């Protein structure tokens, strides 16, 4: 698979770590809403590495995005999903590009529970780079998640907003800053209800990385401290 545009492929490699290790991947949440009250980060992926021999895991960021209308739970499910779309200038028809980046323009989604809970997406032309806008038109406050579309078209949520008011607008400029922690008690799509208490091992703006990069997961033999370092 060719990695182009804003997509990024990160390969993580370990060798003889001495114990089984899980890495929890999440994105830095935007500065909108009160963290852990209105806005919750969501575990994007969990990568597993074995105690012995060589282990390899890949994190593919496609830069394709989607919204989800959500219920209240600890796990964000990929039900009622709508990929971000761009509407043509005449506002009468939709265009469905094969690929969208959260950097390419204004994205709108209408959450309307008068259509059996379906999300009705519509977008203005690109005016503010990186701005994603979600309009809530429902009879009660809505919980909305935002996620990354995988190459198999499945959606992995990365943020969730709770209780967006009726007729409100959610407009946020997102940047894909990936953070990684060495923890074993999380699962993919799990909502984070508070700060991760272990040391942050990785913090990178994916837009500043090359399309493909390799990283070594190492464990210091003396201190047993876990590290993620760029492969040379």
C-alpha atoms as a PDB file:
ATOM      1  CA  UNK A   1       0.000   0.000   0.000  1.00  0.00           C
ATOM      2  CA  UNK A   2       1.434   3.347  -1.045  1.00  0.00           C
ATOM      3  CA  UNK A   3       1.466   5.957   1.748  1.00  0.00           C
ATOM      4  CA  UNK A   4       0.715   9.387   0.292  1.00  0.00           C
ATOM      5  CA  UNK A   5      -0.757  12.760   1.236  1.00  0.00           C
ATOM      6  CA  UNK A   6      -1.325  13.218   4.967  1.00  0.00           C
ATOM      7  CA  UNK A   7      -1.317   9.471   5.650  1.00  0.00           C
ATOM      8  CA  UNK A   8       1.456   8.081   7.860  1.00  0.00           C
ATOM      9  CA  UNK A   9       2.710   4.553   8.544  1.00  0.00           C
ATOM     10  CA  UNK A  10       4.624   3.931  11.781  1.00  0.00           C
ATOM     11  CA  UNK A  11       6.307   0.560  12.297  1.00  0.00           C
ATOM     12  CA  UNK A  12       7.335  -0.430  15.833  1.00  0.00           C
ATOM     13  CA  UNK A  13       9.908  -3.182  16.401  1.00  0.00           C
ATOM     14  CA  UNK A  14      11.063  -4.857  19.623  1.00  0.00           C
ATOM     15  CA  UNK A  15      13.567  -7.595  20.416  1.00  0.00           C
ATOM     16  CA  UNK A  16      13.830  -9.648  23.613  1.00  0.00           C
ATOM     17  CA  UNK A  17      12.083  -7.165  25.909  1.00  0.00           C
ATOM     18  CA  UNK A  18      12.135  -9.591  28.825  1.00  0.00           C
ATOM     19  CA  UNK A  19       8.405  -9.200  29.463  1.00  0.00           C
ATOM     20  CA  UNK A  20       5.251  -8.827  27.427  1.00  0.00           C
ATOM     21  CA  UNK A  21       4.525  -5.144  26.719  1.00  0.00           C
ATOM     22  CA  UNK A  22       1.386  -3.324  25.593  1.00  0.00           C
ATOM     23  CA  UNK A  23       1.535   0.150  24.074  1.00  0.00           C
ATOM     24  CA  UNK A  24      -1.582   2.326  24.226  1.00  0.00           C
ATOM     25  CA  UNK A  25      -1.912   4.878  21.406  1.00  0.00           C
ATOM     26  CA  UNK A  26      -4.075   8.000  21.672  1.00  0.00           C
ATOM     27  CA  UNK A  27      -4.254  11.446  20.110  1.00  0.00           C
ATOM     28  CA  UNK A  28      -3.860  14.727  21.956  1.00  0.00           C
ATOM     29  CA  UNK A  29      -7.384  16.117  22.441  1.00  0.00           C
ATOM     30  CA  UNK A  30      -8.310  19.523  21.021  1.00  0.00           C
ATOM     31  CA  UNK A  31      -8.683  22.582  23.249  1.00  0.00           C
ATOM     32  CA  UNK A  32     -12.459  22.520  23.187  1.00  0.00           C
ATOM     33  CA  UNK A  33     -14.670  21.547  26.096  1.00  0.00           C
ATOM     34  CA  UNK A  34     -13.665  20.609  29.618  1.00  0.00           C
ATOM     35  CA  UNK A  35     -11.431  17.552  29.485  1.00  0.00           C
ATOM     36  CA  UNK A  36     -12.962  14.452  31.118  1.00  0.00           C
ATOM     37  CA  UNK A  37     -16.282  16.285  31.518  1.00  0.00           C
ATOM     38  CA  UNK A  38     -17.413  17.361  28.037  1.00  0.00           C
ATOM     39  CA  UNK A  39     -14.565  15.923  25.986  1.00  0.00           C
ATOM     40  CA  UNK A  40     -12.913  12.532  26.334  1.00  0.00           C
ATOM     41  CA  UNK A  41      -9.917  11.108  24.479  1.00  0.00           C
ATOM     42  CA  UNK A  42     -10.394   7.550  23.240  1.00  0.00           C
ATOM     43  CA  UNK A  43      -7.783   4.809  22.943  1.00  0.00           C
ATOM     44  CA  UNK A  44      -6.974   4.566  19.239  1.00  0.00           C
ATOM     45  CA  UNK A  45      -4.981   1.331  19.258  1.00  0.00           C
ATOM     46  CA  UNK A  46      -3.212  -1.116  21.566  1.00  0.00           C
ATOM     47  CA  UNK A  47      -0.023  -2.666  20.179  1.00  0.00           C
ATOM     48  CA  UNK A  48       1.349  -5.849  21.760  1.00  0.00           C
ATOM     49  CA  UNK A  49       4.978  -6.979  21.962  1.00  0.00           C
ATOM     50  CA  UNK A  50       6.252 -10.337  23.242  1.00  0.00           C
ATOM     51  CA  UNK A  51       8.876 -10.837  25.924  1.00  0.00           C
ATOM     52  CA  UNK A  52      11.208 -12.796  23.642  1.00  0.00           C
ATOM     53  CA  UNK A  53      12.254 -12.755  20.002  1.00  0.00           C
ATOM     54  CA  UNK A  54      11.330  -9.999  17.555  1.00  0.00           C
ATOM     55  CA  UNK A  55       7.882  -8.393  17.531  1.00  0.00           C
ATOM     56  CA  UNK A  56       6.576  -5.954  14.934  1.00  0.00           C
ATOM     57  CA  UNK A  57       3.431  -3.813  15.005  1.00  0.00           C
ATOM     58  CA  UNK A  58       2.169  -1.203  12.551  1.00  0.00           C
ATOM     59  CA  UNK A  59       0.057   1.892  13.197  1.00  0.00           C
ATOM     60  CA  UNK A  60      -1.469   3.255   9.989  1.00  0.00           C
ATOM     61  CA  UNK A  61      -2.916   6.760  10.109  1.00  0.00           C
ATOM     62  CA  UNK A  62      -4.920   7.163   6.902  1.00  0.00           C
ATOM     63  CA  UNK A  63      -5.989  10.798   7.539  1.00  0.00           C
ATOM     64  CA  UNK A  64      -9.527   9.767   6.494  1.00  0.00           C
ATOM     65  CA  UNK A  65     -12.015  10.829   9.169  1.00  0.00           C
ATOM     66  CA  UNK A  66     -15.560  10.081  10.272  1.00  0.00           C
ATOM     67  CA  UNK A  67     -18.142  11.127  12.838  1.00  0.00           C
ATOM     68  CA  UNK A  68     -20.244   8.767  14.957  1.00  0.00           C
ATOM     69  CA  UNK A  69     -23.429   9.434  16.889  1.00  0.00           C
ATOM     70  CA  UNK A  70     -22.882   7.747  20.226  1.00  0.00           C
ATOM     71  CA  UNK A  71     -24.616   6.449  23.309  1.00  0.00           C
ATOM     72  CA  UNK A  72     -23.224   6.582  26.856  1.00  0.00           C
ATOM     73  CA  UNK A  73     -20.763   3.751  27.469  1.00  0.00           C
ATOM     74  CA  UNK A  74     -17.115   3.088  28.236  1.00  0.00           C
ATOM     75  CA  UNK A  75     -16.452   1.738  24.743  1.00  0.00           C
ATOM     76  CA  UNK A  76     -17.182   3.773  21.621  1.00  0.00           C
ATOM     77  CA  UNK A  77     -18.861   1.519  19.074  1.00  0.00           C
ATOM     78  CA  UNK A  78     -18.666   2.107  15.331  1.00  0.00           C
ATOM     79  CA  UNK A  79     -22.433   2.168  14.852  1.00  0.00           C
ATOM     80  CA  UNK A  80     -24.147   4.921  12.871  1.00  0.00           C
ATOM     81  CA  UNK A  81     -20.962   6.127  11.209  1.00  0.00           C
ATOM     82  CA  UNK A  82     -20.616   8.786   8.531  1.00  0.00           C
ATOM     83  CA  UNK A  83     -17.384   9.611   6.749  1.00  0.00           C
ATOM     84  CA  UNK A  84     -16.621  13.281   6.317  1.00  0.00           C
ATOM     85  CA  UNK A  85     -17.824  14.497   2.939  1.00  0.00           C
ATOM     86  CA  UNK A  86     -17.506  17.631   0.846  1.00  0.00           C
ATOM     87  CA  UNK A  87     -20.462  19.221  -0.896  1.00  0.00           C
ATOM     88  CA  UNK A  88     -20.247  20.682  -4.343  1.00  0.00           C
ATOM     89  CA  UNK A  89     -20.436  24.490  -4.731  1.00  0.00           C
ATOM     90  CA  UNK A  90     -24.028  24.338  -6.033  1.00  0.00           C
ATOM     91  CA  UNK A  91     -25.115  22.783  -2.686  1.00  0.00           C
ATOM     92  CA  UNK A  92     -27.412  20.362  -4.501  1.00  0.00           C
ATOM     93  CA  UNK A  93     -25.279  17.263  -4.611  1.00  0.00           C
ATOM     94  CA  UNK A  94     -22.563  15.509  -2.698  1.00  0.00           C
ATOM     95  CA  UNK A  95     -19.109  14.567  -3.827  1.00  0.00           C
ATOM     96  CA  UNK A  96     -17.521  11.500  -2.267  1.00  0.00           C
ATOM     97  CA  UNK A  97     -13.750  11.804  -2.582  1.00  0.00           C
ATOM     98  CA  UNK A  98     -11.749   8.663  -1.962  1.00  0.00           C
ATOM     99  CA  UNK A  99      -9.585  10.337   0.641  1.00  0.00           C
ATOM    100  CA  UNK A 100     -10.021  13.183   3.093  1.00  0.00           C
ATOM    101  CA  UNK A 101      -7.557  14.697   5.513  1.00  0.00           C
ATOM    102  CA  UNK A 102      -8.525  16.596   8.636  1.00  0.00           C
ATOM    103  CA  UNK A 103      -6.242  19.299   7.247  1.00  0.00           C
ATOM    104  CA  UNK A 104      -8.085  19.789   3.969  1.00  0.00           C
ATOM    105  CA  UNK A 105     -10.930  22.044   4.985  1.00  0.00           C
ATOM    106  CA  UNK A 106     -14.234  22.590   6.696  1.00  0.00           C
ATOM    107  CA  UNK A 107     -16.232  19.442   7.446  1.00  0.00           C
ATOM    108  CA  UNK A 108     -19.868  19.587   8.566  1.00  0.00           C
ATOM    109  CA  UNK A 109     -22.126  16.861   9.905  1.00  0.00           C
ATOM    110  CA  UNK A 110     -25.740  17.160  10.904  1.00  0.00           C
ATOM    111  CA  UNK A 111     -26.877  14.918  13.765  1.00  0.00           C
ATOM    112  CA  UNK A 112     -30.627  14.615  13.338  1.00  0.00           C
ATOM    113  CA  UNK A 113     -32.629  12.105  15.391  1.00  0.00           C
ATOM    114  CA  UNK A 114     -35.713  12.704  13.265  1.00  0.00           C
ATOM    115  CA  UNK A 115     -34.159  10.376  10.685  1.00  0.00           C
ATOM    116  CA  UNK A 116     -34.009   7.270  12.877  1.00  0.00           C
ATOM    117  CA  UNK A 117     -30.772   8.432  14.469  1.00  0.00           C
ATOM    118  CA  UNK A 118     -28.959   8.613  11.159  1.00  0.00           C
ATOM    119  CA  UNK A 119     -26.265  11.200  10.684  1.00  0.00           C
ATOM    120  CA  UNK A 120     -26.937  13.459   7.732  1.00  0.00           C
ATOM    121  CA  UNK A 121     -23.616  14.934   6.603  1.00  0.00           C
ATOM    122  CA  UNK A 122     -23.243  18.098   4.624  1.00  0.00           C
ATOM    123  CA  UNK A 123     -20.216  20.265   4.114  1.00  0.00           C
ATOM    124  CA  UNK A 124     -19.420  23.768   3.033  1.00  0.00           C
ATOM    125  CA  UNK A 125     -16.575  24.439   0.652  1.00  0.00           C
ATOM    126  CA  UNK A 126     -13.115  24.523   2.157  1.00  0.00           C
ATOM    127  CA  UNK A 127     -12.667  27.885   3.844  1.00  0.00           C
ATOM    128  CA  UNK A 128     -10.721  27.305   7.052  1.00  0.00           C
ATOM    129  CA  UNK A 129      -7.942  24.725   6.765  1.00  0.00           C
ATOM    130  CA  UNK A 130      -8.194  22.034   9.411  1.00  0.00           C
ATOM    131  CA  UNK A 131     -11.564  23.163  10.798  1.00  0.00           C
ATOM    132  CA  UNK A 132     -14.133  20.431  11.375  1.00  0.00           C
ATOM    133  CA  UNK A 133     -17.664  21.515  12.163  1.00  0.00           C
ATOM    134  CA  UNK A 134     -20.493  19.372  13.450  1.00  0.00           C
ATOM    135  CA  UNK A 135     -23.996  20.825  13.712  1.00  0.00           C
ATOM    136  CA  UNK A 136     -26.440  19.273  16.171  1.00  0.00           C
ATOM    137  CA  UNK A 137     -30.095  19.356  15.141  1.00  0.00           C
ATOM    138  CA  UNK A 138     -31.859  16.888  17.391  1.00  0.00           C
ATOM    139  CA  UNK A 139     -34.576  16.856  20.034  1.00  0.00           C
ATOM    140  CA  UNK A 140     -32.113  16.171  22.852  1.00  0.00           C
ATOM    141  CA  UNK A 141     -28.375  16.669  23.549  1.00  0.00           C
ATOM    142  CA  UNK A 142     -26.161  14.382  21.466  1.00  0.00           C
ATOM    143  CA  UNK A 143     -22.992  12.434  22.175  1.00  0.00           C
ATOM    144  CA  UNK A 144     -20.697  12.538  19.148  1.00  0.00           C
ATOM    145  CA  UNK A 145     -17.426  10.727  18.515  1.00  0.00           C
ATOM    146  CA  UNK A 146     -14.787  11.476  15.890  1.00  0.00           C
ATOM    147  CA  UNK A 147     -12.486   8.844  14.458  1.00  0.00           C
ATOM    148  CA  UNK A 148      -9.984   7.662  11.882  1.00  0.00           C
ATOM    149  CA  UNK A 149     -11.084   5.463   8.985  1.00  0.00           C
ATOM    150  CA  UNK A 150      -8.863   2.421   8.465  1.00  0.00           C
ATOM    151  CA  UNK A 151      -7.825   0.914   5.149  1.00  0.00           C
ATOM    152  CA  UNK A 152     -10.596  -1.689   5.637  1.00  0.00           C
ATOM    153  CA  UNK A 153     -13.089   1.197   6.066  1.00  0.00           C
ATOM    154  CA  UNK A 154     -13.598   0.438   9.765  1.00  0.00           C
ATOM    155  CA  UNK A 155     -13.580   3.495  12.031  1.00  0.00           C
ATOM    156  CA  UNK A 156     -11.417   3.811  15.137  1.00  0.00           C
ATOM    157  CA  UNK A 157     -12.681   6.610  17.423  1.00  0.00           C
ATOM    158  CA  UNK A 158     -10.153   9.013  18.932  1.00  0.00           C
ATOM    159  CA  UNK A 159     -12.355  11.635  20.672  1.00  0.00           C
ATOM    160  CA  UNK A 160     -15.846  11.785  22.140  1.00  0.00           C
ATOM    161  CA  UNK A 161     -17.940  14.808  23.100  1.00  0.00           C
ATOM    162  CA  UNK A 162     -20.769  14.381  25.606  1.00  0.00           C
ATOM    163  CA  UNK A 163     -24.056  16.237  25.712  1.00  0.00           C
ATOM    164  CA  UNK A 164     -23.703  18.599  22.753  1.00  0.00           C
ATOM    165  CA  UNK A 165     -26.649  20.969  23.047  1.00  0.00           C
ATOM    166  CA  UNK A 166     -29.560  21.009  20.612  1.00  0.00           C
ATOM    167  CA  UNK A 167     -28.910  23.390  17.688  1.00  0.00           C
ATOM    168  CA  UNK A 168     -25.293  23.847  18.759  1.00  0.00           C
ATOM    169  CA  UNK A 169     -22.190  23.839  16.561  1.00  0.00           C
ATOM    170  CA  UNK A 170     -19.037  21.902  17.327  1.00  0.00           C
ATOM    171  CA  UNK A 171     -16.165  23.525  15.459  1.00  0.00           C
ATOM    172  CA  UNK A 172     -12.614  22.475  16.237  1.00  0.00           C
ATOM    173  CA  UNK A 173      -9.241  22.516  14.538  1.00  0.00           C
ATOM    174  CA  UNK A 174      -7.612  19.144  15.041  1.00  0.00           C
ATOM    175  CA  UNK A 175      -3.971  18.198  14.640  1.00  0.00           C
ATOM    176  CA  UNK A 176      -2.793  14.562  14.726  1.00  0.00           C
ATOM    177  CA  UNK A 177      -0.400  14.578  17.692  1.00  0.00           C
ATOM    178  CA  UNK A 178       0.109  10.919  18.596  1.00  0.00           C
ATOM    179  CA  UNK A 179       0.902   9.974  22.206  1.00  0.00           C
ATOM    180  CA  UNK A 180       1.983   6.508  23.378  1.00  0.00           C
ATOM    181  CA  UNK A 181       2.051   4.982  26.862  1.00  0.00           C
ATOM    182  CA  UNK A 182       3.285   1.618  28.128  1.00  0.00           C
ATOM    183  CA  UNK A 183       0.140   0.370  29.882  1.00  0.00           C
ATOM    184  CA  UNK A 184      -1.677  -2.968  29.914  1.00  0.00           C
ATOM    185  CA  UNK A 185      -5.160  -2.135  31.181  1.00  0.00           C
ATOM    186  CA  UNK A 186      -6.663  -0.432  28.107  1.00  0.00           C
ATOM    187  CA  UNK A 187      -8.359  -1.695  24.970  1.00  0.00           C
ATOM    188  CA  UNK A 188      -9.005  -0.133  21.573  1.00  0.00           C
ATOM    189  CA  UNK A 189     -11.975   2.291  21.482  1.00  0.00           C
ATOM    190  CA  UNK A 190     -12.005   2.599  25.276  1.00  0.00           C
ATOM    191  CA  UNK A 191     -12.896   6.043  26.594  1.00  0.00           C
ATOM    192  CA  UNK A 192     -10.241   7.571  28.862  1.00  0.00           C
ATOM    193  CA  UNK A 193     -11.939   8.972  31.954  1.00  0.00           C
ATOM    194  CA  UNK A 194      -8.779  10.536  33.398  1.00  0.00           C
ATOM    195  CA  UNK A 195      -5.078  11.178  32.828  1.00  0.00           C
ATOM    196  CA  UNK A 196      -2.840   8.196  32.078  1.00  0.00           C
ATOM    197  CA  UNK A 197      -0.662   7.793  35.158  1.00  0.00           C
ATOM    198  CA  UNK A 198       2.372   6.192  33.501  1.00  0.00           C
ATOM    199  CA  UNK A 199       5.185   8.068  31.765  1.00  0.00           C
ATOM    200  CA  UNK A 200       4.576   9.241  28.218  1.00  0.00           C
ATOM    201  CA  UNK A 201       6.891   7.345  25.851  1.00  0.00           C
ATOM    202  CA  UNK A 202       6.092   9.071  22.565  1.00  0.00           C
ATOM    203  CA  UNK A 203       4.695  12.440  21.473  1.00  0.00           C
ATOM    204  CA  UNK A 204       4.848  13.270  17.773  1.00  0.00           C
ATOM    205  CA  UNK A 205       2.910  15.469  15.367  1.00  0.00           C
ATOM    206  CA  UNK A 206       2.329  13.006  12.541  1.00  0.00           C
ATOM    207  CA  UNK A 207       2.309  15.745   9.914  1.00  0.00           C
ATOM    208  CA  UNK A 208       5.984  16.407  10.723  1.00  0.00           C
ATOM    209  CA  UNK A 209       7.033  12.797  10.197  1.00  0.00           C
ATOM    210  CA  UNK A 210       7.886  11.191   6.846  1.00  0.00           C
ATOM    211  CA  UNK A 211       5.229   9.052   5.224  1.00  0.00           C
ATOM    212  CA  UNK A 212       6.854   5.918   6.655  1.00  0.00           C
ATOM    213  CA  UNK A 213       9.016   5.651   9.761  1.00  0.00           C
ATOM    214  CA  UNK A 214      10.356   2.869  11.980  1.00  0.00           C
ATOM    215  CA  UNK A 215      10.678   3.008  15.766  1.00  0.00           C
ATOM    216  CA  UNK A 216      12.444   0.660  18.185  1.00  0.00           C
ATOM    217  CA  UNK A 217      10.701  -0.332  21.408  1.00  0.00           C
ATOM    218  CA  UNK A 218      13.495  -0.998  23.900  1.00  0.00           C
ATOM    219  CA  UNK A 219      13.784  -1.809  27.597  1.00  0.00           C
ATOM    220  CA  UNK A 220      16.880  -0.641  29.434  1.00  0.00           C
ATOM    221  CA  UNK A 221      18.553  -3.735  30.966  1.00  0.00           C
ATOM    222  CA  UNK A 222      19.640  -1.829  34.076  1.00  0.00           C
ATOM    223  CA  UNK A 223      16.717   0.459  34.905  1.00  0.00           C
ATOM    224  CA  UNK A 224      14.114  -1.664  33.041  1.00  0.00           C
ATOM    225  CA  UNK A 225      12.746   1.640  31.726  1.00  0.00           C
ATOM    226  CA  UNK A 226      10.762   1.365  28.506  1.00  0.00           C
ATOM    227  CA  UNK A 227      11.656   3.678  25.610  1.00  0.00           C
ATOM    228  CA  UNK A 228      10.599   4.290  22.009  1.00  0.00           C
ATOM    229  CA  UNK A 229      13.447   5.549  19.823  1.00  0.00           C
ATOM    230  CA  UNK A 230      13.657   6.339  16.147  1.00  0.00           C
ATOM    231  CA  UNK A 231      15.400   3.623  14.143  1.00  0.00           C
ATOM    232  CA  UNK A 232      18.560   4.765  12.392  1.00  0.00           C
END
